[in-house]
Structures are given as structure tokens and as C-alpha cells.
C-alpha atoms as a PDB file:
ATOM      1  CA  MET A   1     -29.707  46.499  66.226  1.00  0.00           C
ATOM      2  CA  ASN A   2     -27.815  45.702  69.389  1.00  0.00           C
ATOM      3  CA  SER A   3     -28.879  42.688  71.391  1.00  0.00           C
ATOM      4  CA  LEU A   4     -31.288  43.835  74.080  1.00  0.00           C
ATOM      5  CA  ASN A   5     -32.877  41.758  76.779  1.00  0.00           C
ATOM      6  CA  ILE A   6     -35.800  43.938  77.898  1.00  0.00           C
ATOM      7  CA  GLY A   7     -38.625  41.451  77.344  1.00  0.00           C
ATOM      8  CA  LEU A   8     -39.543  42.674  73.862  1.00  0.00           C
ATOM      9  CA  ASP A   9     -38.231  40.875  70.802  1.00  0.00           C
ATOM     10  CA  GLU A  10     -36.592  42.754  67.941  1.00  0.00           C
ATOM     11  CA  ASN A  11     -39.634  42.705  65.646  1.00  0.00           C
ATOM     12  CA  VAL A  12     -41.845  44.161  68.370  1.00  0.00           C
ATOM     13  CA  ARG A  13     -39.281  46.838  69.272  1.00  0.00           C
ATOM     14  CA  THR A  14     -38.889  47.795  65.620  1.00  0.00           C
ATOM     15  CA  SER A  15     -42.645  48.056  65.116  1.00  0.00           C
ATOM     16  CA  VAL A  16     -43.205  50.182  68.210  1.00  0.00           C
ATOM     17  CA  ALA A  17     -40.199  52.356  67.370  1.00  0.00           C
ATOM     18  CA  ALA A  18     -41.624  52.991  63.897  1.00  0.00           C
ATOM     19  CA  SER A  19     -44.843  54.267  65.485  1.00  0.00           C
ATOM     20  CA  LEU A  20     -42.846  56.388  67.917  1.00  0.00           C
ATOM     21  CA  ASN A  21     -40.783  57.801  65.057  1.00  0.00           C
ATOM     22  CA  ALA A  22     -43.984  58.780  63.219  1.00  0.00           C
ATOM     23  CA  THR A  23     -45.191  60.582  66.348  1.00  0.00           C
ATOM     24  CA  LEU A  24     -41.765  62.168  66.706  1.00  0.00           C
ATOM     25  CA  ALA A  25     -41.920  63.437  63.118  1.00  0.00           C
ATOM     26  CA  ASP A  26     -45.448  64.785  63.546  1.00  0.00           C
ATOM     27  CA  THR A  27     -44.467  66.474  66.796  1.00  0.00           C
ATOM     28  CA  TYR A  28     -41.428  68.050  65.159  1.00  0.00           C
ATOM     29  CA  ALA A  29     -43.470  69.366  62.216  1.00  0.00           C
ATOM     30  CA  LEU A  30     -46.112  70.773  64.547  1.00  0.00           C
ATOM     31  CA  TYR A  31     -43.425  72.226  66.838  1.00  0.00           C
ATOM     32  CA  MET A  32     -41.840  74.078  63.898  1.00  0.00           C
ATOM     33  CA  LYS A  33     -45.202  75.338  62.641  1.00  0.00           C
ATOM     34  CA  THR A  34     -46.234  76.514  66.124  1.00  0.00           C
ATOM     35  CA  HIS A  35     -42.899  78.240  66.732  1.00  0.00           C
ATOM     36  CA  ALA A  36     -43.118  80.050  63.366  1.00  0.00           C
ATOM     37  CA  TYR A  37     -46.675  81.128  64.145  1.00  0.00           C
ATOM     38  CA  HIS A  38     -45.492  82.429  67.530  1.00  0.00           C
ATOM     39  CA  TRP A  39     -42.997  84.646  65.707  1.00  0.00           C
ATOM     40  CA  ASN A  40     -45.366  85.826  63.012  1.00  0.00           C
ATOM     41  CA  VAL A  41     -48.859  86.124  64.495  1.00  0.00           C
ATOM     42  CA  THR A  42     -50.558  89.516  64.089  1.00  0.00           C
ATOM     43  CA  GLY A  43     -53.950  91.017  64.786  1.00  0.00           C
ATOM     44  CA  PRO A  44     -56.208  91.773  67.729  1.00  0.00           C
ATOM     45  CA  GLN A  45     -55.442  88.425  69.418  1.00  0.00           C
ATOM     46  CA  PHE A  46     -51.681  88.905  69.065  1.00  0.00           C
ATOM     47  CA  HIS A  47     -50.756  88.826  72.749  1.00  0.00           C
ATOM     48  CA  THR A  48     -53.008  85.889  73.626  1.00  0.00           C
ATOM     49  CA  LEU A  49     -51.891  83.809  70.659  1.00  0.00           C
ATOM     50  CA  HIS A  50     -48.224  84.751  70.981  1.00  0.00           C
ATOM     51  CA  ILE A  51     -48.177  83.452  74.566  1.00  0.00           C
ATOM     52  CA  MET A  52     -50.365  80.420  73.826  1.00  0.00           C
ATOM     53  CA  PHE A  53     -48.210  79.363  70.886  1.00  0.00           C
ATOM     54  CA  GLU A  54     -45.064  79.716  73.024  1.00  0.00           C
ATOM     55  CA  GLU A  55     -46.525  77.463  75.727  1.00  0.00           C
ATOM     56  CA  GLN A  56     -47.430  74.928  73.062  1.00  0.00           C
ATOM     57  CA  TYR A  57     -44.091  74.860  71.252  1.00  0.00           C
ATOM     58  CA  ARG A  58     -42.150  74.646  74.528  1.00  0.00           C
ATOM     59  CA  GLU A  59     -44.194  71.619  75.595  1.00  0.00           C
ATOM     60  CA  MET A  60     -43.577  69.928  72.247  1.00  0.00           C
ATOM     61  CA  TRP A  61     -39.834  70.689  72.411  1.00  0.00           C
ATOM     62  CA  THR A  62     -39.622  68.732  75.664  1.00  0.00           C
ATOM     63  CA  ALA A  63     -41.762  65.925  74.242  1.00  0.00           C
ATOM     64  CA  LEU A  64     -39.443  65.527  71.244  1.00  0.00           C
ATOM     65  CA  ASP A  65     -36.601  64.474  73.499  1.00  0.00           C
ATOM     66  CA  GLU A  66     -38.782  62.064  75.481  1.00  0.00           C
ATOM     67  CA  ILE A  67     -40.074  60.385  72.319  1.00  0.00           C
ATOM     68  CA  ALA A  68     -36.634  60.094  70.695  1.00  0.00           C
ATOM     69  CA  GLU A  69     -35.110  58.701  73.888  1.00  0.00           C
ATOM     70  CA  ARG A  70     -37.830  56.043  74.059  1.00  0.00           C
ATOM     71  CA  VAL A  71     -36.994  55.061  70.477  1.00  0.00           C
ATOM     72  CA  ARG A  72     -33.342  54.731  71.492  1.00  0.00           C
ATOM     73  CA  ALA A  73     -34.269  52.706  74.586  1.00  0.00           C
ATOM     74  CA  LEU A  74     -35.886  50.236  72.189  1.00  0.00           C
ATOM     75  CA  GLY A  75     -32.563  49.899  70.364  1.00  0.00           C
ATOM     76  CA  VAL A  76     -33.645  51.788  67.249  1.00  0.00           C
ATOM     77  CA  PHE A  77     -32.345  55.069  65.862  1.00  0.00           C
ATOM     78  CA  ALA A  78     -34.514  58.170  65.771  1.00  0.00           C
ATOM     79  CA  PRO A  79     -34.636  60.119  62.489  1.00  0.00           C
ATOM     80  CA  SER A  80     -31.612  62.394  62.362  1.00  0.00           C
ATOM     81  CA  SER A  81     -32.374  64.808  59.540  1.00  0.00           C
ATOM     82  CA  GLY A  82     -35.064  67.280  58.639  1.00  0.00           C
ATOM     83  CA  LYS A  83     -35.661  65.341  55.440  1.00  0.00           C
ATOM     84  CA  ALA A  84     -36.211  62.064  57.322  1.00  0.00           C
ATOM     85  CA  LEU A  85     -38.586  63.752  59.770  1.00  0.00           C
ATOM     86  CA  SER A  86     -40.481  65.440  56.940  1.00  0.00           C
ATOM     87  CA  GLU A  87     -40.900  62.150  55.075  1.00  0.00           C
ATOM     88  CA  LEU A  88     -42.359  60.477  58.174  1.00  0.00           C
ATOM     89  CA  SER A  89     -44.734  63.298  59.125  1.00  0.00           C
ATOM     90  CA  ALA A  90     -48.400  63.465  58.181  1.00  0.00           C
ATOM     91  CA  ILE A  91     -48.567  67.153  59.142  1.00  0.00           C
ATOM     92  CA  ASP A  92     -48.335  69.743  56.396  1.00  0.00           C
ATOM     93  CA  ASN A  93     -45.614  72.259  57.155  1.00  0.00           C
ATOM     94  CA  ALA A  94     -45.592  74.158  53.870  1.00  0.00           C
ATOM     95  CA  ASP A  95     -46.674  77.709  54.745  1.00  0.00           C
ATOM     96  CA  GLU A  96     -44.798  79.930  52.300  1.00  0.00           C
ATOM     97  CA  THR A  97     -45.946  83.085  54.058  1.00  0.00           C
ATOM     98  CA  PRO A  98     -47.501  83.539  57.486  1.00  0.00           C
ATOM     99  CA  PRO A  99     -51.281  83.042  57.314  1.00  0.00           C
ATOM    100  CA  SER A 100     -53.837  85.096  59.208  1.00  0.00           C
ATOM    101  CA  ALA A 101     -54.234  84.444  62.920  1.00  0.00           C
ATOM    102  CA  THR A 102     -57.514  82.640  62.259  1.00  0.00           C
ATOM    103  CA  THR A 103     -55.866  80.369  59.701  1.00  0.00           C
ATOM    104  CA  MET A 104     -52.978  79.750  62.093  1.00  0.00           C
ATOM    105  CA  ILE A 105     -55.450  78.528  64.712  1.00  0.00           C
ATOM    106  CA  GLU A 106     -57.216  76.304  62.164  1.00  0.00           C
ATOM    107  CA  ASN A 107     -53.917  74.881  60.882  1.00  0.00           C
ATOM    108  CA  LEU A 108     -52.667  74.128  64.378  1.00  0.00           C
ATOM    109  CA  LEU A 109     -55.985  72.551  65.331  1.00  0.00           C
ATOM    110  CA  ASP A 110     -55.733  70.293  62.287  1.00  0.00           C
ATOM    111  CA  GLY A 111     -52.141  69.414  63.207  1.00  0.00           C
ATOM    112  CA  HIS A 112     -52.996  68.497  66.796  1.00  0.00           C
ATOM    113  CA  GLU A 113     -55.934  66.370  65.676  1.00  0.00           C
ATOM    114  CA  THR A 114     -53.730  64.619  63.113  1.00  0.00           C
ATOM    115  CA  LEU A 115     -51.145  63.939  65.788  1.00  0.00           C
ATOM    116  CA  VAL A 116     -53.810  62.524  68.126  1.00  0.00           C
ATOM    117  CA  ARG A 117     -55.059  60.124  65.452  1.00  0.00           C
ATOM    118  CA  ARG A 118     -51.557  58.907  64.630  1.00  0.00           C
ATOM    119  CA  ALA A 119     -50.611  58.600  68.304  1.00  0.00           C
ATOM    120  CA  ARG A 120     -53.715  56.445  68.826  1.00  0.00           C
ATOM    121  CA  GLU A 121     -52.406  54.099  66.139  1.00  0.00           C
ATOM    122  CA  GLY A 122     -49.081  53.998  67.965  1.00  0.00           C
ATOM    123  CA  LEU A 123     -50.853  53.313  71.254  1.00  0.00           C
ATOM    124  CA  SER A 124     -52.572  50.287  69.716  1.00  0.00           C
ATOM    125  CA  THR A 125     -49.234  49.030  68.402  1.00  0.00           C
ATOM    126  CA  ALA A 126     -47.561  49.468  71.798  1.00  0.00           C
ATOM    127  CA  GLU A 127     -50.440  47.809  73.675  1.00  0.00           C
ATOM    128  CA  GLU A 128     -50.496  44.835  71.287  1.00  0.00           C
ATOM    129  CA  ALA A 129     -46.730  44.522  71.787  1.00  0.00           C
ATOM    130  CA  GLY A 130     -47.031  44.590  75.579  1.00  0.00           C
ATOM    131  CA  ASP A 131     -44.823  47.705  75.705  1.00  0.00           C
ATOM    132  CA  ALA A 132     -46.289  49.570  78.681  1.00  0.00           C
ATOM    133  CA  ALA A 133     -43.633  52.299  78.681  1.00  0.00           C
ATOM    134  CA  SER A 134     -44.326  53.264  75.071  1.00  0.00           C
ATOM    135  CA  ALA A 135     -48.078  52.956  75.645  1.00  0.00           C
ATOM    136  CA  ASP A 136     -47.788  55.394  78.551  1.00  0.00           C
ATOM    137  CA  LEU A 137     -45.854  57.829  76.381  1.00  0.00           C
ATOM    138  CA  PHE A 138     -48.478  57.629  73.618  1.00  0.00           C
ATOM    139  CA  THR A 139     -51.260  58.130  76.181  1.00  0.00           C
ATOM    140  CA  ILE A 140     -49.619  61.293  77.498  1.00  0.00           C
ATOM    141  CA  ARG A 141     -49.156  62.627  73.968  1.00  0.00           C
ATOM    142  CA  ILE A 142     -52.814  61.928  73.153  1.00  0.00           C
ATOM    143  CA  GLN A 143     -53.996  63.684  76.311  1.00  0.00           C
ATOM    144  CA  THR A 144     -51.761  66.690  75.702  1.00  0.00           C
ATOM    145  CA  HIS A 145     -52.727  67.151  72.060  1.00  0.00           C
ATOM    146  CA  GLU A 146     -56.437  66.589  72.716  1.00  0.00           C
ATOM    147  CA  LYS A 147     -56.354  69.320  75.383  1.00  0.00           C
ATOM    148  CA  THR A 148     -54.461  71.679  73.071  1.00  0.00           C
ATOM    149  CA  ALA A 149     -56.947  70.980  70.257  1.00  0.00           C
ATOM    150  CA  TRP A 150     -59.816  71.796  72.610  1.00  0.00           C
ATOM    151  CA  MET A 151     -58.189  75.093  73.567  1.00  0.00           C
ATOM    152  CA  LEU A 152     -57.573  76.020  69.937  1.00  0.00           C
ATOM    153  CA  ARG A 153     -61.083  74.982  68.974  1.00  0.00           C
ATOM    154  CA  SER A 154     -62.506  77.232  71.704  1.00  0.00           C
ATOM    155  CA  LEU A 155     -60.908  80.234  69.993  1.00  0.00           C
ATOM    156  CA  THR A 156     -62.937  79.627  66.845  1.00  0.00           C
ATOM    157  CA  GLN A 157     -66.396  79.385  68.460  1.00  0.00           C
END
């Protein structure tokens, strides 16, 4: 790691970056799943879900860059391969064939809730480290994924 003088020692930066990289990996897995569902959704809710999934994957695409750039600002490398991202992610991305629209909604809901839980862990790490910038990023990710989970959940009630 390069010598940085940003008020956070190397151990703290490495710890926070590891949490950010986990959130990055989860976001990437959920982005890919959401984008694939956007392409492959069928059924009576096609138009609604097609548009909703596009809004969701576009938001996550932007977030990926923000998360990775924060990792780099801490002097750590972001994962640079699909394999590395997959190994860090807690989100299952193993659909062999497109599921039904209802199952897509349930799978995405599970993914967003998983991401929220893991981002909360990262938030605690960042707060304990005194890293306000990373804490802010985690807070935004939590808010975004909680809202998306609520919207998905509303489709199943």
C-alpha cells in the first residue's frame, strides 16, 4: 500500500476497504442478476417489472463505481475479476434458467436484504474507524437497498 496521510492508519483503511469490497461484490452480483431479469422477465407484469428492473440495475451500476473509487481512495485495490467478486459476494447468482417473474421478485428482494445486512456491518466498521466518508457511502447504500426491498416486497402482497 502506498503511504497515505489522510488521518486513517493502514490497518483501519484495510479493514474498511475490505467491508467496502464486500459491498462492491454484493452490488455487482445483484446488478448482474437484476440486469438478467430485466432481459428475461415475462408474464402479465412484464412492462412494470422490465422498467423497474432497469431503474434498479442502472442505479447499482453507478454505485459500483462510487464504491470502488472509495476503496481506491483508501489506498487499497478493488477486486478486478469476476472470480474475485464472486468469492466475496454473499448473494447467490446461480440462476441456470430465468425463473418466473414472481421468483425473480423474491430473489431480488432476498438480494437487497442481504446487501443491507452486509452494508450495516460495513457501516459499523467505518464508524468504529472514524471514516466518515465510507460511513456516508454505506448509509446511502443501506437507504437505497432498503427502499428497493420495500418496493419489491409491495409487489408480493
